[in-house]
Protein backbone atom coordinates (compact mmCIF):
# COMPACT_ATOMS: atom_id res chain seq x y z
CA MET A 1 0.00 0.00 0.00
CA ILE A 2 2.81 2.45 0.90
CA LYS A 3 5.01 3.48 -2.04
CA SER A 4 8.64 4.52 -1.71
CA PRO A 5 9.80 7.91 -3.04
CA GLU A 6 11.39 6.07 -5.98
CA GLU A 7 8.15 4.28 -6.78
CA ILE A 8 6.20 7.52 -6.61
CA GLU A 9 8.59 9.12 -9.09
CA LEU A 10 7.98 6.23 -11.49
CA MET A 11 4.25 6.69 -11.04
CA ALA A 12 4.65 10.41 -11.66
CA GLU A 13 6.28 9.62 -14.99
CA SER A 14 3.33 7.43 -15.95
CA GLY A 15 1.07 10.26 -14.80
CA ARG A 16 2.93 12.81 -16.90
CA LEU A 17 2.57 10.68 -20.00
CA LEU A 18 -1.11 10.12 -19.29
CA ALA A 19 -1.63 13.86 -18.85
CA SER A 20 -0.14 14.36 -22.33
CA VAL A 21 -2.81 12.04 -23.75
CA PHE A 22 -5.50 14.35 -22.39
CA THR A 23 -3.62 17.35 -23.78
CA TRP A 24 -3.84 15.65 -27.17
CA LEU A 25 -7.56 15.00 -26.68
CA ASP A 26 -8.09 18.65 -25.77
CA ARG A 27 -6.97 19.61 -29.29
CA GLN A 28 -9.32 17.21 -31.06
CA THR A 29 -12.65 18.05 -32.67
CA LEU A 30 -14.91 15.44 -31.11
CA ALA A 31 -18.23 16.11 -32.86
CA GLY A 32 -18.79 13.68 -35.70
CA ARG A 33 -16.16 11.21 -34.44
CA THR A 34 -16.94 7.66 -33.38
CA THR A 35 -15.82 6.58 -29.95
CA MET A 36 -13.98 3.64 -31.56
CA ASP A 37 -11.99 6.04 -33.73
CA ILE A 38 -10.95 7.96 -30.63
CA ASN A 39 -10.06 4.71 -28.85
CA ASP A 40 -7.84 3.60 -31.73
CA GLN A 41 -6.04 6.93 -31.96
CA VAL A 42 -5.43 7.02 -28.21
CA GLU A 43 -4.00 3.50 -28.39
CA ALA A 44 -1.61 4.51 -31.18
CA LEU A 45 -0.53 7.56 -29.19
CA ILE A 46 0.16 5.57 -26.01
CA VAL A 47 1.92 2.67 -27.71
CA ASP A 48 3.69 4.16 -30.73
CA THR A 49 4.46 7.70 -29.58
CA LEU A 50 4.81 7.39 -25.82
CA GLY A 51 6.22 3.86 -25.71
CA ALA A 52 3.85 2.90 -22.92
CA ARG A 53 1.13 0.32 -22.31
CA PRO A 54 -2.62 1.05 -22.20
CA ALA A 55 -3.33 -0.71 -18.92
CA SER A 56 -7.09 -1.06 -19.40
CA LYS A 57 -6.76 -3.23 -22.49
CA GLY A 58 -7.03 -6.83 -21.40
CA GLN A 59 -7.81 -5.96 -17.77
CA TYR A 60 -10.66 -8.20 -16.54
CA GLY A 61 -11.22 -9.19 -20.18
CA TYR A 62 -11.89 -5.62 -21.35
CA GLY A 63 -10.86 -5.21 -24.98
CA PHE A 64 -10.24 -1.49 -25.33
CA VAL A 65 -7.88 1.29 -24.31
CA LEU A 66 -10.41 3.69 -22.85
CA ASN A 67 -13.92 3.97 -21.47
CA CYS A 68 -16.19 6.37 -23.35
CA SER A 69 -19.11 7.34 -21.11
CA ARG A 70 -21.54 9.66 -22.91
CA ASN A 71 -24.48 11.57 -21.42
CA ALA A 72 -26.44 9.11 -19.22
CA VAL A 73 -23.57 6.60 -19.15
CA VAL A 74 -22.00 6.79 -15.69
CA CYS A 75 -18.85 4.77 -16.33
CA HIS A 76 -17.31 1.87 -18.28
CA GLY A 77 -18.83 2.89 -21.61
CA VAL A 78 -17.48 0.69 -24.41
CA PRO A 79 -16.08 2.29 -27.61
CA SER A 80 -18.15 1.58 -30.70
CA GLU A 81 -18.09 2.26 -34.44
CA ALA A 82 -21.81 2.98 -34.14
CA GLU A 83 -21.51 5.62 -31.42
CA VAL A 84 -20.94 9.03 -32.98
CA LEU A 85 -20.38 12.02 -30.72
CA GLY A 86 -22.75 14.85 -31.51
CA ASP A 87 -23.19 18.53 -30.76
CA GLY A 88 -24.41 18.98 -27.20
CA ASP A 89 -23.05 15.70 -25.82
CA ILE A 90 -20.92 15.35 -22.72
CA VAL A 91 -18.48 12.41 -22.72
CA ASN A 92 -16.03 11.10 -20.15
CA PHE A 93 -12.82 9.48 -21.34
CA ASP A 94 -11.26 7.26 -18.67
CA ILE A 95 -7.71 6.15 -19.52
CA THR A 96 -5.01 4.16 -17.77
CA LEU A 97 -1.33 4.04 -18.75
CA GLU A 98 1.55 1.90 -17.52
CA LYS A 99 5.21 2.82 -17.90
CA GLY A 100 8.10 1.29 -16.01
CA GLY A 101 5.83 -1.16 -14.22
CA TYR A 102 3.54 1.44 -12.63
CA ILE A 103 0.05 2.54 -13.62
CA ALA A 104 -1.58 5.98 -13.66
CA ASP A 105 -5.35 6.46 -14.00
CA SER A 106 -7.25 9.61 -14.92
CA SER A 107 -10.45 10.75 -16.58
CA LYS A 108 -11.99 13.95 -17.90
CA THR A 109 -15.50 14.83 -19.07
CA TYR A 110 -15.54 16.78 -22.33
CA LEU A 111 -18.14 19.18 -23.68
CA VAL A 112 -18.91 18.45 -27.33
CA GLY A 113 -19.92 21.55 -29.26
CA ASP A 114 -22.78 23.68 -27.92
CA VAL A 115 -23.68 22.08 -24.58
CA ALA A 116 -26.76 23.13 -22.59
CA PRO A 117 -26.14 25.24 -19.47
CA ALA A 118 -27.54 22.54 -17.16
CA ALA A 119 -25.08 19.98 -18.51
CA ARG A 120 -22.21 22.45 -18.27
CA ARG A 121 -23.08 23.09 -14.63
CA LEU A 122 -23.05 19.34 -13.88
CA VAL A 123 -19.63 18.94 -15.50
CA ARG A 124 -18.20 21.96 -13.69
CA THR A 125 -19.53 20.81 -10.32
CA SER A 126 -18.12 17.30 -10.87
CA TYR A 127 -14.68 18.77 -11.48
CA GLU A 128 -14.97 20.94 -8.38
CA ALA A 129 -16.11 17.96 -6.30
CA MET A 130 -13.04 15.98 -7.33
CA TRP A 131 -10.82 18.83 -6.18
CA LYS A 132 -12.67 19.11 -2.89
CA GLY A 133 -11.72 15.50 -2.27
CA ILE A 134 -8.11 15.98 -3.37
CA LEU A 135 -7.65 18.99 -1.10
CA ALA A 136 -8.76 16.89 1.88
CA VAL A 137 -5.74 14.59 1.43
CA ARG A 138 -2.90 14.93 3.93
CA PRO A 139 -1.13 12.69 6.44
CA GLY A 140 -3.35 12.07 9.45
CA ALA A 141 -6.57 12.79 7.58
CA ARG A 142 -9.03 9.95 7.05
CA LEU A 143 -10.72 8.48 4.02
CA GLY A 144 -14.06 9.68 5.38
CA ASP A 145 -12.79 13.26 5.15
CA ILE A 146 -12.31 12.84 1.39
CA GLY A 147 -15.76 11.35 0.84
CA HIS A 148 -17.43 13.95 3.03
CA ALA A 149 -15.84 16.87 1.16
CA ILE A 150 -16.97 15.47 -2.19
CA GLU A 151 -20.48 14.59 -1.10
CA ARG A 152 -21.09 17.93 0.62
CA HIS A 153 -20.12 19.88 -2.50
CA ALA A 154 -22.27 17.70 -4.76
CA LYS A 155 -25.34 17.84 -2.53
CA ARG A 156 -25.11 21.61 -2.09
CA ALA A 157 -25.34 21.89 -5.88
CA GLY A 158 -28.33 19.52 -6.02
CA TYR A 159 -26.56 16.45 -7.41
CA ALA A 160 -26.34 12.83 -6.28
CA ILE A 161 -23.11 10.91 -5.74
CA VAL A 162 -22.95 7.44 -7.28
CA ARG A 163 -22.15 4.99 -4.46
CA ASP A 164 -21.66 1.82 -6.51
CA TYR A 165 -18.14 2.75 -7.68
CA CYS A 166 -15.21 4.28 -5.88
CA GLY A 167 -11.59 5.36 -6.10
CA HIS A 168 -8.87 2.85 -5.39
CA GLY A 169 -5.26 2.31 -4.53
CA ILE A 170 -3.00 1.95 -7.56
CA GLY A 171 0.59 0.99 -8.37
CA HIS A 172 1.85 -2.19 -10.03
CA GLU A 173 -1.83 -3.16 -10.23
CA MET A 174 -4.69 -1.00 -11.45
CA HIS A 175 -6.82 -1.75 -8.41
CA GLU A 176 -5.13 -1.98 -5.01
CA GLU A 177 -6.17 -1.10 -1.49
CA PRO A 178 -7.64 1.10 -0.16
CA GLN A 179 -11.10 1.73 -1.57
CA VAL A 180 -11.81 5.47 -1.66
CA LEU A 181 -15.52 6.20 -1.26
CA HIS A 182 -16.91 9.48 -2.56
CA PHE A 183 -19.26 9.89 0.40
CA GLY A 184 -18.72 9.53 4.11
CA LYS A 185 -18.38 11.07 7.53
CA PRO A 186 -15.42 13.22 8.56
CA GLY A 187 -13.04 11.65 11.03
CA THR A 188 -13.89 8.09 9.99
CA GLY A 189 -12.14 5.47 7.92
CA LEU A 190 -8.51 4.61 7.27
CA VAL A 191 -5.88 7.12 8.41
CA LEU A 192 -3.86 8.50 5.48
CA ARG A 193 -0.09 8.02 5.58
CA GLU A 194 2.74 9.45 3.52
CA GLY A 195 3.38 7.24 0.49
CA MET A 196 -0.20 6.11 -0.09
CA VAL A 197 -1.24 6.44 -3.75
CA PHE A 198 -4.85 6.21 -4.89
CA THR A 199 -7.42 7.64 -7.27
CA ILE A 200 -10.21 10.09 -6.52
CA GLU A 201 -12.94 9.84 -9.17
CA PRO A 202 -16.43 10.99 -8.14
CA MET A 203 -19.41 10.45 -10.44
CA LEU A 204 -22.23 12.98 -10.10
CA ASN A 205 -25.76 12.42 -11.40
CA GLN A 206 -28.36 15.04 -12.26
CA GLY A 207 -31.10 12.85 -10.86
CA ARG A 208 -31.09 9.77 -8.65
CA ARG A 209 -27.84 8.11 -7.65
CA THR A 210 -29.05 4.66 -8.74
CA VAL A 211 -27.41 2.96 -11.72
CA ARG A 212 -27.72 -0.25 -13.73
CA THR A 213 -25.39 -2.24 -15.97
CA GLU A 214 -26.44 -2.85 -19.57
CA ASP A 215 -26.45 -6.22 -21.31
CA ASP A 216 -22.86 -5.85 -22.56
CA GLY A 217 -21.73 -6.39 -18.97
CA TRP A 218 -19.73 -3.15 -18.89
CA THR A 219 -21.75 -0.03 -19.63
CA VAL A 220 -23.23 1.52 -16.47
CA VAL A 221 -26.09 4.02 -16.94
CA THR A 222 -28.31 6.15 -14.74
CA THR A 223 -31.63 4.44 -14.02
CA ASP A 224 -33.58 7.62 -14.72
CA GLY A 225 -31.82 8.49 -17.98
CA LYS A 226 -30.44 11.75 -16.64
CA LEU A 227 -26.89 12.95 -17.20
CA SER A 228 -23.82 11.84 -15.28
CA ALA A 229 -20.31 13.35 -15.21
CA GLN A 230 -16.98 12.30 -13.74
CA PHE A 231 -13.39 13.46 -13.28
CA GLU A 232 -10.44 11.49 -11.90
CA HIS A 233 -6.85 12.00 -10.80
CA THR A 234 -4.21 9.74 -9.28
CA VAL A 235 -2.78 11.31 -6.12
CA ALA A 236 -0.01 10.58 -3.62
CA VAL A 237 -0.03 11.49 0.07
CA THR A 238 3.08 13.57 0.76
CA ARG A 239 4.80 14.60 3.99
CA ASP A 240 2.68 17.74 4.24
CA GLY A 241 -0.22 17.28 1.84
CA VAL A 242 -0.95 15.82 -1.57
CA ARG A 243 0.71 15.49 -4.96
CA VAL A 244 -1.44 15.07 -8.07
CA LEU A 245 0.48 12.62 -10.23
CA THR A 246 -1.77 13.02 -13.31
CA LEU A 247 -2.04 16.82 -13.22
CA ARG A 248 -2.41 18.24 -16.72
CA PRO A 249 -0.42 21.26 -17.94
CA ASP A 250 -3.60 23.34 -18.26
CA GLU A 251 -4.61 22.72 -14.63
CA THR A 252 -3.80 24.65 -11.48
CA ILE A 253 -4.51 23.24 -8.05
CA PRO A 254 -7.31 25.35 -6.54
CA ARG A 255 -7.10 26.85 -3.10
CA GLY A 256 -9.03 25.06 -0.38
């Protein structure tokens, strides 16, 4: 569970490369593209340009490099030649990358073209909620502090937190201990220690928090058909706070 400084530097390199994938995505015109086309281009970028491994491909039998979760899809959306992104969509791309034996995991929800104000507000609040959780990370804090900070921000904005999926420890394996819930009570749960590395990845729904898995066995959708949005970073607990290992060049860490 605890990573050495040398291991964290290796994870930071994986995180830096993964951040560059999102920088590339930021420059793409998404409207009119199929999610399979995006998947294939991301795979070529990770493998051929960055010399890394797309860690999601083959994990638990999953056949693709990224998850493409559009509109009412909460998570684990499967790329498809039939799914074309259109004006007004929101879509989350969840990508993992392994370099030097260590994995980084991050996701970002994109606005495609002219997106309605209500959807933009959901996406913005989801991003803010992730940062609320990240800023609660420090040695001596507890996992419940992270979940509480996220849930409080989401509820104040009128959104529901999905409880069926959570953040997770990460390192040599994509999913390690601990589980990082996106709801909770302050002062409860595992005490954070320097060297812990895990993801924070809240999913916010416009309507109810309940979800269901479609017949493909992967795609998770809201039960009421309303929108869902998500953001994710991989973070490390430092001596005096937190380090975001997947921070993108366009991002600045907000003040608490």
